[in-house]
Amino acid sequence: KQWYQRRVRALHRALARQNARIRENEMIAADKAAIKETFVKTQIAQWNEAAEEAAERKILKRYKETLHEELKAAKSQLITVRRDNLRKLLETEMTTYRAELEKLGLTVFKCRI
């Protein structure tokens, strides 16, 4: 009977060790699953951040291109306005010059070919 009780106690201890190993393995598996899930979430977050940065760079590039085109158009318009103003000024000055010459009885020489 003692032998039987020792054997039962040994089996209980072995069973307790086995249950402890099972619990430990389950905890390790749960930790591995949590680490894997965290890794996947991190990868997704990094991909999203990279996609957002690429989109922002694209928007900034388009904005710069638009701004450059607008500045180019404004410069062209400014040149046109300045030319028109200069032409008007020159015509006014020429008219004034001719009027002064006429008062003196002179004319502007025109070379006709």
N, C-alpha and C. Protein backbone atom coordinates (compact mmCIF):
# COMPACT_ATOMS: atom_id res chain seq x y z
N LYS A 1 0.82 -1.19 0.00
CA LYS A 1 0.00 0.00 0.00
C LYS A 1 0.87 1.26 0.00
N GLN A 2 1.97 1.29 0.66
CA GLN A 2 2.87 2.44 0.67
C GLN A 2 3.44 2.65 -0.73
N TRP A 3 3.77 1.54 -1.31
CA TRP A 3 4.30 1.62 -2.67
C TRP A 3 3.29 2.28 -3.59
N TYR A 4 2.04 1.90 -3.45
CA TYR A 4 0.96 2.45 -4.26
C TYR A 4 0.80 3.94 -3.99
N GLN A 5 0.85 4.36 -2.74
CA GLN A 5 0.70 5.77 -2.39
C GLN A 5 1.87 6.60 -2.92
N ARG A 6 3.10 6.03 -2.85
CA ARG A 6 4.25 6.74 -3.40
C ARG A 6 4.12 6.90 -4.91
N ARG A 7 3.64 5.86 -5.52
CA ARG A 7 3.45 5.87 -6.98
C ARG A 7 2.39 6.91 -7.37
N VAL A 8 1.32 6.98 -6.61
CA VAL A 8 0.25 7.94 -6.86
C VAL A 8 0.78 9.36 -6.67
N ARG A 9 1.56 9.58 -5.60
CA ARG A 9 2.14 10.90 -5.37
C ARG A 9 3.09 11.29 -6.50
N ALA A 10 3.88 10.34 -6.94
CA ALA A 10 4.82 10.60 -8.05
C ALA A 10 4.05 10.94 -9.32
N LEU A 11 2.96 10.24 -9.55
CA LEU A 11 2.13 10.53 -10.73
C LEU A 11 1.49 11.90 -10.62
N HIS A 12 1.06 12.26 -9.42
CA HIS A 12 0.46 13.58 -9.20
C HIS A 12 1.49 14.69 -9.45
N ARG A 13 2.74 14.46 -8.94
CA ARG A 13 3.80 15.45 -9.18
C ARG A 13 4.12 15.56 -10.67
N ALA A 14 4.18 14.42 -11.34
CA ALA A 14 4.46 14.42 -12.78
C ALA A 14 3.34 15.13 -13.54
N LEU A 15 2.11 14.86 -13.12
CA LEU A 15 0.97 15.51 -13.74
C LEU A 15 0.99 17.01 -13.49
N ALA A 16 1.39 17.42 -12.30
CA ALA A 16 1.48 18.85 -11.97
C ALA A 16 2.56 19.51 -12.82
N ARG A 17 3.74 18.83 -12.97
CA ARG A 17 4.81 19.37 -13.83
C ARG A 17 4.34 19.49 -15.28
N GLN A 18 3.61 18.46 -15.71
CA GLN A 18 3.11 18.47 -17.10
C GLN A 18 2.12 19.60 -17.29
N ASN A 19 1.23 19.81 -16.34
CA ASN A 19 0.26 20.91 -16.43
C ASN A 19 0.97 22.27 -16.40
N ALA A 20 2.04 22.37 -15.59
CA ALA A 20 2.81 23.62 -15.53
C ALA A 20 3.48 23.89 -16.88
N ARG A 21 4.06 22.83 -17.50
CA ARG A 21 4.68 22.99 -18.82
C ARG A 21 3.64 23.39 -19.86
N ILE A 22 2.46 22.80 -19.78
CA ILE A 22 1.39 23.14 -20.73
C ILE A 22 0.99 24.59 -20.57
N ARG A 23 0.81 25.05 -19.32
CA ARG A 23 0.47 26.44 -19.07
C ARG A 23 1.58 27.37 -19.58
N GLU A 24 2.84 26.98 -19.33
CA GLU A 24 3.96 27.79 -19.79
C GLU A 24 4.00 27.85 -21.33
N ASN A 25 3.78 26.71 -21.97
CA ASN A 25 3.75 26.68 -23.44
C ASN A 25 2.61 27.51 -23.99
N GLU A 26 1.46 27.47 -23.32
CA GLU A 26 0.33 28.28 -23.75
C GLU A 26 0.64 29.77 -23.59
N MET A 27 1.31 30.14 -22.50
CA MET A 27 1.69 31.54 -22.30
C MET A 27 2.69 31.98 -23.38
N ILE A 28 3.65 31.11 -23.67
CA ILE A 28 4.64 31.44 -24.71
C ILE A 28 3.95 31.59 -26.06
N ALA A 29 3.03 30.69 -26.35
CA ALA A 29 2.29 30.77 -27.62
C ALA A 29 1.46 32.06 -27.68
N ALA A 30 0.84 32.42 -26.56
CA ALA A 30 0.06 33.66 -26.52
C ALA A 30 0.98 34.87 -26.71
N ASP A 31 2.16 34.84 -26.07
CA ASP A 31 3.12 35.94 -26.24
C ASP A 31 3.58 36.04 -27.69
N LYS A 32 3.86 34.88 -28.29
CA LYS A 32 4.29 34.88 -29.70
C LYS A 32 3.18 35.44 -30.60
N ALA A 33 1.95 35.06 -30.32
CA ALA A 33 0.82 35.57 -31.11
C ALA A 33 0.69 37.08 -30.94
N ALA A 34 0.86 37.56 -29.71
CA ALA A 34 0.76 39.00 -29.46
C ALA A 34 1.89 39.74 -30.17
N ILE A 35 3.10 39.17 -30.13
CA ILE A 35 4.23 39.80 -30.81
C ILE A 35 3.99 39.83 -32.31
N LYS A 36 3.49 38.73 -32.85
CA LYS A 36 3.21 38.68 -34.29
C LYS A 36 2.14 39.70 -34.67
N GLU A 37 1.10 39.80 -33.86
CA GLU A 37 0.03 40.76 -34.12
C GLU A 37 0.56 42.19 -34.06
N THR A 38 1.41 42.46 -33.07
CA THR A 38 2.02 43.78 -32.94
C THR A 38 2.90 44.08 -34.16
N PHE A 39 3.66 43.08 -34.59
CA PHE A 39 4.53 43.25 -35.76
C PHE A 39 3.70 43.56 -37.00
N VAL A 40 2.61 42.83 -37.20
CA VAL A 40 1.75 43.06 -38.36
C VAL A 40 1.14 44.46 -38.30
N LYS A 41 0.67 44.85 -37.12
CA LYS A 41 0.09 46.19 -36.97
C LYS A 41 1.14 47.27 -37.23
N THR A 42 2.36 47.03 -36.76
CA THR A 42 3.45 47.98 -37.00
C THR A 42 3.75 48.10 -38.49
N GLN A 43 3.79 46.97 -39.17
CA GLN A 43 4.05 46.98 -40.61
C GLN A 43 2.95 47.74 -41.36
N ILE A 44 1.70 47.51 -40.96
CA ILE A 44 0.58 48.21 -41.59
C ILE A 44 0.67 49.71 -41.32
N ALA A 45 1.00 50.08 -40.09
CA ALA A 45 1.12 51.50 -39.75
C ALA A 45 2.26 52.15 -40.54
N GLN A 46 3.39 51.46 -40.66
CA GLN A 46 4.51 52.00 -41.43
C GLN A 46 4.13 52.16 -42.89
N TRP A 47 3.41 51.19 -43.43
CA TRP A 47 2.98 51.28 -44.83
C TRP A 47 2.05 52.46 -45.01
N ASN A 48 1.11 52.63 -44.07
CA ASN A 48 0.18 53.76 -44.16
C ASN A 48 0.91 55.09 -44.08
N GLU A 49 1.88 55.19 -43.18
CA GLU A 49 2.65 56.43 -43.05
C GLU A 49 3.42 56.72 -44.34
N ALA A 50 4.03 55.68 -44.91
CA ALA A 50 4.76 55.87 -46.16
C ALA A 50 3.82 56.30 -47.28
N ALA A 51 2.63 55.71 -47.32
CA ALA A 51 1.65 56.08 -48.35
C ALA A 51 1.19 57.53 -48.16
N GLU A 52 0.96 57.93 -46.92
CA GLU A 52 0.56 59.32 -46.64
C GLU A 52 1.66 60.30 -47.02
N GLU A 53 2.91 59.95 -46.70
CA GLU A 53 4.03 60.82 -47.05
C GLU A 53 4.17 60.95 -48.56
N ALA A 54 3.99 59.83 -49.26
CA ALA A 54 4.07 59.87 -50.72
C ALA A 54 2.95 60.74 -51.29
N ALA A 55 1.75 60.62 -50.72
CA ALA A 55 0.63 61.44 -51.18
C ALA A 55 0.89 62.92 -50.91
N GLU A 56 1.45 63.22 -49.74
CA GLU A 56 1.76 64.62 -49.41
C GLU A 56 2.83 65.18 -50.34
N ARG A 57 3.85 64.35 -50.66
CA ARG A 57 4.88 64.79 -51.61
C ARG A 57 4.28 65.06 -52.98
N LYS A 58 3.36 64.20 -53.39
CA LYS A 58 2.72 64.38 -54.69
C LYS A 58 1.89 65.66 -54.72
N ILE A 59 1.14 65.91 -53.64
CA ILE A 59 0.33 67.13 -53.54
C ILE A 59 1.24 68.36 -53.56
N LEU A 60 2.33 68.31 -52.81
CA LEU A 60 3.27 69.43 -52.77
C LEU A 60 3.89 69.66 -54.14
N LYS A 61 4.22 68.59 -54.83
CA LYS A 61 4.79 68.72 -56.17
C LYS A 61 3.80 69.39 -57.12
N ARG A 62 2.54 68.92 -57.08
CA ARG A 62 1.51 69.53 -57.92
C ARG A 62 1.30 71.01 -57.57
N TYR A 63 1.34 71.32 -56.27
CA TYR A 63 1.18 72.70 -55.83
C TYR A 63 2.32 73.56 -56.36
N LYS A 64 3.54 73.05 -56.28
CA LYS A 64 4.69 73.80 -56.79
C LYS A 64 4.59 74.01 -58.30
N GLU A 65 4.18 72.96 -59.01
CA GLU A 65 4.03 73.09 -60.46
C GLU A 65 2.97 74.13 -60.80
N THR A 66 1.85 74.10 -60.09
CA THR A 66 0.78 75.08 -60.32
C THR A 66 1.27 76.49 -60.02
N LEU A 67 1.97 76.63 -58.91
CA LEU A 67 2.50 77.93 -58.53
C LEU A 67 3.48 78.43 -59.58
N HIS A 68 4.34 77.54 -60.08
CA HIS A 68 5.30 77.92 -61.12
C HIS A 68 4.58 78.37 -62.39
N GLU A 69 3.55 77.63 -62.77
CA GLU A 69 2.78 77.99 -63.96
C GLU A 69 2.09 79.34 -63.78
N GLU A 70 1.53 79.57 -62.59
CA GLU A 70 0.87 80.85 -62.32
C GLU A 70 1.85 82.00 -62.36
N LEU A 71 3.03 81.80 -61.78
CA LEU A 71 4.05 82.85 -61.81
C LEU A 71 4.51 83.13 -63.24
N LYS A 72 4.64 82.08 -64.02
CA LYS A 72 5.04 82.24 -65.42
C LYS A 72 3.98 83.02 -66.19
N ALA A 73 2.71 82.69 -65.97
CA ALA A 73 1.62 83.41 -66.63
C ALA A 73 1.57 84.87 -66.16
N ALA A 74 1.76 85.09 -64.87
CA ALA A 74 1.74 86.47 -64.34
C ALA A 74 2.89 87.28 -64.93
N LYS A 75 4.05 86.66 -65.04
CA LYS A 75 5.21 87.34 -65.63
C LYS A 75 4.93 87.71 -67.08
N SER A 76 4.36 86.77 -67.82
CA SER A 76 4.03 87.04 -69.22
C SER A 76 3.01 88.17 -69.33
N GLN A 77 2.00 88.15 -68.48
CA GLN A 77 0.98 89.19 -68.48
C GLN A 77 1.59 90.54 -68.13
N LEU A 78 2.49 90.55 -67.14
CA LEU A 78 3.15 91.78 -66.73
C LEU A 78 3.98 92.36 -67.88
N ILE A 79 4.68 91.49 -68.60
CA ILE A 79 5.48 91.95 -69.74
C ILE A 79 4.57 92.56 -70.81
N THR A 80 3.44 91.91 -71.07
CA THR A 80 2.49 92.44 -72.06
C THR A 80 1.98 93.81 -71.64
N VAL A 81 1.60 93.96 -70.38
CA VAL A 81 1.10 95.24 -69.88
C VAL A 81 2.18 96.31 -69.98
N ARG A 82 3.41 95.97 -69.60
CA ARG A 82 4.50 96.93 -69.68
C ARG A 82 4.77 97.36 -71.13
N ARG A 83 4.72 96.41 -72.03
CA ARG A 83 4.93 96.75 -73.45
C ARG A 83 3.85 97.71 -73.94
N ASP A 84 2.60 97.41 -73.60
CA ASP A 84 1.50 98.29 -74.01
C ASP A 84 1.68 99.70 -73.43
N ASN A 85 2.02 99.76 -72.15
CA ASN A 85 2.23 101.07 -71.51
C ASN A 85 3.40 101.82 -72.16
N LEU A 86 4.48 101.10 -72.45
CA LEU A 86 5.63 101.72 -73.09
C LEU A 86 5.27 102.21 -74.49
N ARG A 87 4.52 101.41 -75.23
CA ARG A 87 4.08 101.81 -76.57
C ARG A 87 3.24 103.08 -76.51
N LYS A 88 2.30 103.13 -75.56
CA LYS A 88 1.45 104.32 -75.39
C LYS A 88 2.29 105.53 -75.02
N LEU A 89 3.26 105.33 -74.11
CA LEU A 89 4.14 106.42 -73.70
C LEU A 89 4.95 106.94 -74.89
N LEU A 90 5.50 106.02 -75.67
CA LEU A 90 6.28 106.42 -76.84
C LEU A 90 5.42 107.15 -77.87
N GLU A 91 4.19 106.66 -78.08
CA GLU A 91 3.28 107.33 -79.02
C GLU A 91 2.94 108.74 -78.52
N THR A 92 2.69 108.87 -77.22
CA THR A 92 2.39 110.18 -76.65
C THR A 92 3.58 111.12 -76.81
N GLU A 93 4.76 110.62 -76.50
CA GLU A 93 5.96 111.44 -76.64
C GLU A 93 6.20 111.83 -78.10
N MET A 94 5.99 110.89 -79.01
CA MET A 94 6.18 111.18 -80.44
C MET A 94 5.17 112.23 -80.91
N THR A 95 3.94 112.10 -80.44
CA THR A 95 2.91 113.09 -80.80
C THR A 95 3.31 114.47 -80.27
N THR A 96 3.75 114.51 -79.03
CA THR A 96 4.20 115.76 -78.43
C THR A 96 5.40 116.33 -79.20
N TYR A 97 6.34 115.49 -79.53
CA TYR A 97 7.54 115.90 -80.27
C TYR A 97 7.16 116.48 -81.64
N ARG A 98 6.25 115.80 -82.35
CA ARG A 98 5.81 116.28 -83.67
C ARG A 98 5.10 117.63 -83.54
N ALA A 99 4.27 117.74 -82.49
CA ALA A 99 3.55 119.01 -82.28
C ALA A 99 4.54 120.14 -82.02
N GLU A 100 5.57 119.89 -81.25
CA GLU A 100 6.58 120.92 -80.98
C GLU A 100 7.34 121.29 -82.25
N LEU A 101 7.66 120.26 -83.06
CA LEU A 101 8.37 120.52 -84.32
C LEU A 101 7.50 121.33 -85.28
N GLU A 102 6.19 121.02 -85.31
CA GLU A 102 5.28 121.76 -86.19
C GLU A 102 5.20 123.23 -85.78
N LYS A 103 5.24 123.48 -84.47
CA LYS A 103 5.22 124.86 -84.00
C LYS A 103 6.46 125.62 -84.49
N LEU A 104 7.55 124.87 -84.62
CA LEU A 104 8.79 125.48 -85.11
C LEU A 104 8.86 125.47 -86.63
N GLY A 105 7.91 124.84 -87.28
CA GLY A 105 7.87 124.77 -88.73
C GLY A 105 8.73 123.64 -89.28
N LEU A 106 9.01 122.66 -88.47
CA LEU A 106 9.83 121.53 -88.90
C LEU A 106 8.98 120.26 -88.91
N THR A 107 9.56 119.20 -89.52
CA THR A 107 8.86 117.91 -89.52
C THR A 107 9.86 116.80 -89.19
N VAL A 108 9.33 115.63 -88.90
CA VAL A 108 10.16 114.46 -88.61
C VAL A 108 10.48 113.80 -89.94
N PHE A 109 11.76 113.47 -90.15
CA PHE A 109 12.19 112.83 -91.37
C PHE A 109 11.73 111.37 -91.36
N LYS A 110 11.04 110.98 -92.48
CA LYS A 110 10.61 109.59 -92.64
C LYS A 110 11.30 109.05 -93.87
N CYS A 111 11.97 107.97 -93.70
CA CYS A 111 12.66 107.33 -94.82
C CYS A 111 11.67 106.38 -95.47
N ARG A 112 11.33 106.70 -96.74
CA ARG A 112 10.37 105.85 -97.46
C ARG A 112 11.10 105.13 -98.57
N ILE A 113 10.94 103.91 -98.61
CA ILE A 113 11.61 103.11 -99.65
C ILE A 113 10.61 102.51 -100.57
